N, C-alpha and C. Protein backbone atom coordinates (compact mmCIF):
# COMPACT_ATOMS: atom_id res chain seq x y z
N UNK A 1 -18.96 8.80 -4.39
CA UNK A 1 -17.93 7.86 -3.94
C UNK A 1 -17.70 8.08 -2.45
N UNK A 2 -17.77 7.02 -1.69
CA UNK A 2 -17.48 7.06 -0.26
C UNK A 2 -16.00 6.79 -0.08
N UNK A 3 -15.36 7.53 0.82
CA UNK A 3 -13.93 7.33 1.05
C UNK A 3 -13.70 6.98 2.52
N UNK A 4 -12.57 6.33 2.82
CA UNK A 4 -12.27 6.01 4.21
C UNK A 4 -12.21 7.27 5.06
N UNK A 5 -12.75 7.19 6.28
CA UNK A 5 -12.70 8.33 7.19
C UNK A 5 -11.28 8.56 7.68
N UNK A 6 -10.49 7.50 7.78
CA UNK A 6 -9.11 7.59 8.24
C UNK A 6 -8.28 6.53 7.54
N UNK A 7 -7.00 6.81 7.40
CA UNK A 7 -6.13 5.86 6.71
C UNK A 7 -5.99 4.54 7.48
N UNK A 8 -6.21 4.57 8.79
CA UNK A 8 -6.08 3.32 9.54
C UNK A 8 -7.22 2.35 9.22
N UNK A 9 -8.19 2.77 8.41
CA UNK A 9 -9.24 1.86 7.94
C UNK A 9 -8.76 1.01 6.77
N UNK A 10 -7.62 1.38 6.18
CA UNK A 10 -7.08 0.64 5.04
C UNK A 10 -6.20 -0.49 5.54
N UNK A 11 -6.10 -1.54 4.74
CA UNK A 11 -5.18 -2.63 5.06
C UNK A 11 -4.59 -3.16 3.76
N UNK A 12 -3.52 -3.91 3.91
CA UNK A 12 -2.84 -4.46 2.74
C UNK A 12 -2.92 -5.97 2.76
N UNK A 13 -3.18 -6.51 1.58
CA UNK A 13 -3.11 -7.95 1.34
C UNK A 13 -1.86 -8.16 0.51
N UNK A 14 -1.07 -9.17 0.85
CA UNK A 14 0.17 -9.43 0.11
C UNK A 14 -0.03 -10.67 -0.76
N UNK A 15 -0.18 -10.40 -2.05
CA UNK A 15 -0.47 -11.46 -3.03
C UNK A 15 0.84 -12.05 -3.54
N UNK A 16 0.99 -13.38 -3.45
CA UNK A 16 2.23 -13.99 -3.96
C UNK A 16 2.27 -13.97 -5.49
N UNK A 17 3.46 -13.76 -6.01
CA UNK A 17 3.74 -13.87 -7.43
C UNK A 17 4.66 -15.08 -7.57
N UNK A 18 4.22 -16.07 -8.32
CA UNK A 18 4.93 -17.33 -8.40
C UNK A 18 5.89 -17.37 -9.58
N UNK A 19 7.04 -18.01 -9.35
CA UNK A 19 8.03 -18.22 -10.39
C UNK A 19 7.82 -19.56 -11.07
N UNK A 20 8.73 -19.92 -11.97
CA UNK A 20 8.59 -21.18 -12.72
C UNK A 20 8.54 -22.42 -11.83
N UNK A 21 9.19 -22.39 -10.67
CA UNK A 21 9.20 -23.55 -9.78
C UNK A 21 7.95 -23.58 -8.88
N UNK A 22 6.98 -22.72 -9.18
CA UNK A 22 5.75 -22.62 -8.41
C UNK A 22 5.99 -22.26 -6.94
N UNK A 23 7.05 -21.51 -6.73
CA UNK A 23 7.34 -20.96 -5.41
C UNK A 23 7.22 -19.44 -5.52
N UNK A 24 6.73 -18.79 -4.46
CA UNK A 24 6.65 -17.33 -4.51
C UNK A 24 8.03 -16.71 -4.68
N UNK A 25 8.16 -15.85 -5.68
CA UNK A 25 9.42 -15.13 -5.88
C UNK A 25 9.32 -13.71 -5.35
N UNK A 26 8.10 -13.25 -5.16
CA UNK A 26 7.86 -11.93 -4.59
C UNK A 26 6.39 -11.82 -4.21
N UNK A 27 6.07 -10.74 -3.52
CA UNK A 27 4.69 -10.47 -3.14
C UNK A 27 4.35 -9.06 -3.56
N UNK A 28 3.11 -8.86 -3.96
CA UNK A 28 2.64 -7.53 -4.35
C UNK A 28 1.68 -7.03 -3.27
N UNK A 29 1.94 -5.81 -2.81
CA UNK A 29 1.08 -5.20 -1.79
C UNK A 29 -0.17 -4.64 -2.46
N UNK A 30 -1.33 -5.11 -2.00
CA UNK A 30 -2.61 -4.66 -2.56
C UNK A 30 -3.41 -3.98 -1.45
N UNK A 31 -3.69 -2.70 -1.60
CA UNK A 31 -4.43 -1.98 -0.57
C UNK A 31 -5.92 -2.26 -0.71
N UNK A 32 -6.57 -2.39 0.43
CA UNK A 32 -8.00 -2.65 0.47
C UNK A 32 -8.63 -1.81 1.57
N UNK A 33 -9.95 -1.66 1.49
CA UNK A 33 -10.71 -0.93 2.50
C UNK A 33 -11.99 -1.70 2.81
N UNK A 34 -12.22 -1.94 4.09
CA UNK A 34 -13.50 -2.52 4.52
C UNK A 34 -14.40 -1.34 4.84
N UNK A 35 -15.41 -1.12 4.01
CA UNK A 35 -16.27 0.05 4.18
C UNK A 35 -17.20 -0.14 5.40
N UNK A 36 -17.96 0.89 5.77
CA UNK A 36 -18.82 0.79 6.95
C UNK A 36 -19.84 -0.35 6.89
N UNK A 37 -20.17 -0.82 5.69
CA UNK A 37 -21.10 -1.94 5.55
C UNK A 37 -20.39 -3.29 5.64
N UNK A 38 -19.06 -3.28 5.81
CA UNK A 38 -18.30 -4.50 5.94
C UNK A 38 -17.82 -5.09 4.63
N UNK A 39 -18.04 -4.40 3.52
CA UNK A 39 -17.63 -4.88 2.21
C UNK A 39 -16.17 -4.48 1.97
N UNK A 40 -15.36 -5.44 1.53
CA UNK A 40 -13.96 -5.14 1.21
C UNK A 40 -13.90 -4.62 -0.22
N UNK A 41 -13.33 -3.43 -0.36
CA UNK A 41 -13.29 -2.76 -1.66
C UNK A 41 -11.86 -2.65 -2.18
N UNK A 42 -11.72 -2.78 -3.49
CA UNK A 42 -10.44 -2.60 -4.18
C UNK A 42 -10.18 -1.10 -4.37
N UNK A 43 -8.95 -0.73 -4.70
CA UNK A 43 -8.57 0.69 -4.77
C UNK A 43 -9.40 1.56 -5.71
N UNK A 44 -9.92 0.98 -6.80
CA UNK A 44 -10.67 1.83 -7.73
C UNK A 44 -11.92 2.43 -7.10
N UNK A 45 -12.32 1.92 -5.95
CA UNK A 45 -13.52 2.42 -5.28
C UNK A 45 -13.24 3.51 -4.26
N UNK A 46 -11.96 3.77 -3.94
CA UNK A 46 -11.68 4.75 -2.88
C UNK A 46 -10.36 5.49 -3.01
N UNK A 47 -9.43 5.02 -3.81
CA UNK A 47 -8.07 5.55 -3.76
C UNK A 47 -7.90 6.92 -4.41
N UNK A 48 -8.64 7.21 -5.46
CA UNK A 48 -8.46 8.49 -6.16
C UNK A 48 -8.59 9.70 -5.23
N UNK A 49 -9.62 9.78 -4.39
CA UNK A 49 -9.70 10.93 -3.48
C UNK A 49 -8.55 10.98 -2.47
N UNK A 50 -8.06 9.82 -2.06
CA UNK A 50 -6.93 9.79 -1.12
C UNK A 50 -5.69 10.36 -1.80
N UNK A 51 -5.42 9.94 -3.03
CA UNK A 51 -4.23 10.42 -3.74
C UNK A 51 -4.35 11.87 -4.18
N UNK A 52 -5.56 12.33 -4.42
CA UNK A 52 -5.76 13.71 -4.87
C UNK A 52 -6.16 14.65 -3.74
N UNK A 53 -6.06 14.19 -2.51
CA UNK A 53 -6.42 15.01 -1.36
C UNK A 53 -5.31 15.99 -1.01
N UNK A 54 -5.20 16.30 0.23
CA UNK A 54 -4.20 17.25 0.69
C UNK A 54 -2.80 16.64 0.61
N UNK A 55 -1.81 17.51 0.68
CA UNK A 55 -0.42 17.05 0.72
C UNK A 55 -0.19 16.14 1.92
N UNK A 56 -0.82 16.48 3.04
CA UNK A 56 -0.67 15.68 4.25
C UNK A 56 -1.25 14.28 4.07
N UNK A 57 -2.41 14.17 3.41
CA UNK A 57 -3.00 12.84 3.23
C UNK A 57 -2.17 12.02 2.25
N UNK A 58 -1.62 12.65 1.23
CA UNK A 58 -0.76 11.94 0.28
C UNK A 58 0.50 11.44 0.98
N UNK A 59 1.10 12.29 1.80
CA UNK A 59 2.30 11.90 2.55
C UNK A 59 1.98 10.75 3.49
N UNK A 60 0.85 10.84 4.19
CA UNK A 60 0.47 9.79 5.15
C UNK A 60 0.18 8.48 4.45
N UNK A 61 -0.54 8.51 3.32
CA UNK A 61 -0.85 7.28 2.60
C UNK A 61 0.42 6.65 2.05
N UNK A 62 1.32 7.45 1.52
CA UNK A 62 2.58 6.93 0.99
C UNK A 62 3.39 6.26 2.10
N UNK A 63 3.47 6.92 3.25
CA UNK A 63 4.19 6.33 4.39
C UNK A 63 3.53 5.04 4.84
N UNK A 64 2.20 5.01 4.87
CA UNK A 64 1.47 3.79 5.25
C UNK A 64 1.83 2.64 4.31
N UNK A 65 1.88 2.91 3.02
CA UNK A 65 2.21 1.89 2.02
C UNK A 65 3.62 1.36 2.23
N UNK A 66 4.57 2.25 2.38
CA UNK A 66 5.97 1.84 2.57
C UNK A 66 6.12 1.07 3.88
N UNK A 67 5.52 1.57 4.93
CA UNK A 67 5.64 0.93 6.25
C UNK A 67 4.99 -0.45 6.28
N UNK A 68 3.86 -0.61 5.59
CA UNK A 68 3.20 -1.92 5.54
C UNK A 68 4.09 -2.94 4.83
N UNK A 69 4.72 -2.53 3.74
CA UNK A 69 5.60 -3.44 3.02
C UNK A 69 6.83 -3.79 3.86
N UNK A 70 7.40 -2.80 4.51
CA UNK A 70 8.57 -3.06 5.36
C UNK A 70 8.21 -3.99 6.52
N UNK A 71 7.04 -3.80 7.12
CA UNK A 71 6.61 -4.66 8.22
C UNK A 71 6.38 -6.09 7.74
N UNK A 72 5.81 -6.24 6.55
CA UNK A 72 5.58 -7.57 5.99
C UNK A 72 6.92 -8.29 5.78
N UNK A 73 7.91 -7.59 5.26
CA UNK A 73 9.22 -8.19 5.06
C UNK A 73 9.86 -8.56 6.40
N UNK A 74 9.72 -7.68 7.37
CA UNK A 74 10.32 -7.91 8.69
C UNK A 74 9.65 -9.09 9.40
N UNK A 75 8.33 -9.17 9.31
CA UNK A 75 7.57 -10.15 10.08
C UNK A 75 7.44 -11.51 9.41
N UNK A 76 7.76 -11.60 8.14
CA UNK A 76 7.61 -12.85 7.39
C UNK A 76 8.94 -13.22 6.76
N UNK A 77 9.72 -13.97 7.48
CA UNK A 77 11.07 -14.33 7.03
C UNK A 77 11.13 -15.00 5.67
N UNK A 78 10.06 -15.66 5.26
CA UNK A 78 10.07 -16.35 3.98
C UNK A 78 9.68 -15.47 2.81
N UNK A 79 9.39 -14.21 3.07
CA UNK A 79 8.96 -13.31 2.00
C UNK A 79 10.21 -12.70 1.34
N UNK A 80 10.52 -13.09 0.10
CA UNK A 80 11.77 -12.63 -0.51
C UNK A 80 11.77 -11.15 -0.89
N UNK A 81 10.68 -10.65 -1.45
CA UNK A 81 10.58 -9.25 -1.87
C UNK A 81 9.13 -8.83 -1.84
N UNK A 82 8.92 -7.53 -1.72
CA UNK A 82 7.57 -6.98 -1.80
C UNK A 82 7.57 -5.85 -2.82
N UNK A 83 6.59 -5.87 -3.69
CA UNK A 83 6.40 -4.82 -4.67
C UNK A 83 5.29 -3.90 -4.19
N UNK A 84 5.56 -2.59 -4.21
CA UNK A 84 4.51 -1.61 -3.91
C UNK A 84 4.33 -0.73 -5.14
N UNK A 85 3.14 -0.23 -5.30
CA UNK A 85 2.85 0.67 -6.42
C UNK A 85 2.74 2.09 -5.90
N UNK A 86 3.62 2.94 -6.40
CA UNK A 86 3.57 4.37 -6.08
C UNK A 86 3.40 5.13 -7.37
N UNK A 87 2.57 6.15 -7.34
CA UNK A 87 2.36 6.99 -8.53
C UNK A 87 3.58 7.88 -8.73
N UNK A 88 3.76 8.43 -9.93
CA UNK A 88 4.85 9.39 -10.13
C UNK A 88 4.77 10.56 -9.14
N UNK A 89 3.55 10.98 -8.83
CA UNK A 89 3.39 12.07 -7.87
C UNK A 89 3.93 11.67 -6.50
N UNK A 90 3.69 10.44 -6.10
CA UNK A 90 4.17 9.98 -4.80
C UNK A 90 5.69 9.83 -4.78
N UNK A 91 6.25 9.19 -5.78
CA UNK A 91 7.67 8.85 -5.75
C UNK A 91 8.56 10.08 -5.93
N UNK A 92 8.08 11.10 -6.58
CA UNK A 92 8.91 12.28 -6.86
C UNK A 92 8.89 13.32 -5.72
N UNK A 93 8.29 12.99 -4.61
CA UNK A 93 8.20 13.94 -3.50
C UNK A 93 9.38 13.77 -2.55
N UNK A 94 9.85 14.86 -2.03
CA UNK A 94 10.94 14.84 -1.06
C UNK A 94 10.59 13.98 0.15
N UNK A 95 9.34 14.08 0.61
CA UNK A 95 8.91 13.33 1.79
C UNK A 95 8.99 11.81 1.55
N UNK A 96 8.65 11.38 0.35
CA UNK A 96 8.72 9.96 0.02
C UNK A 96 10.16 9.48 0.02
N UNK A 97 11.03 10.22 -0.63
CA UNK A 97 12.43 9.83 -0.70
C UNK A 97 13.05 9.80 0.69
N UNK A 98 12.70 10.75 1.53
CA UNK A 98 13.22 10.77 2.90
C UNK A 98 12.70 9.57 3.69
N UNK A 99 11.43 9.23 3.47
CA UNK A 99 10.85 8.07 4.18
C UNK A 99 11.52 6.77 3.73
N UNK A 100 11.74 6.63 2.44
CA UNK A 100 12.43 5.44 1.92
C UNK A 100 13.85 5.35 2.45
N UNK A 101 14.52 6.47 2.57
CA UNK A 101 15.88 6.48 3.09
C UNK A 101 15.95 6.01 4.53
N UNK A 102 14.88 6.28 5.28
CA UNK A 102 14.84 5.84 6.67
C UNK A 102 14.52 4.38 6.76
């Protein structure tokens, strides 16, 4: 399995979730990676080593996820909510809670 050399190689796509009126009621943050060959890969191809890496890489990836969602909300006035997926390991860490509080 090839993994990203750096977290800045990852990007998020914000997929709309539509309500009954066919208007977006929220967006889901989907992490992706464009590998060295230019192919865009879904998380099952690269995320496990990132999440199971060092404490520092887990902290950095979690912060990247939270910050990307916050930036999307800030920069897109019509975006009502953003859903992010954090593992129990990510959410139960002091660093994550402190980052969310900020």
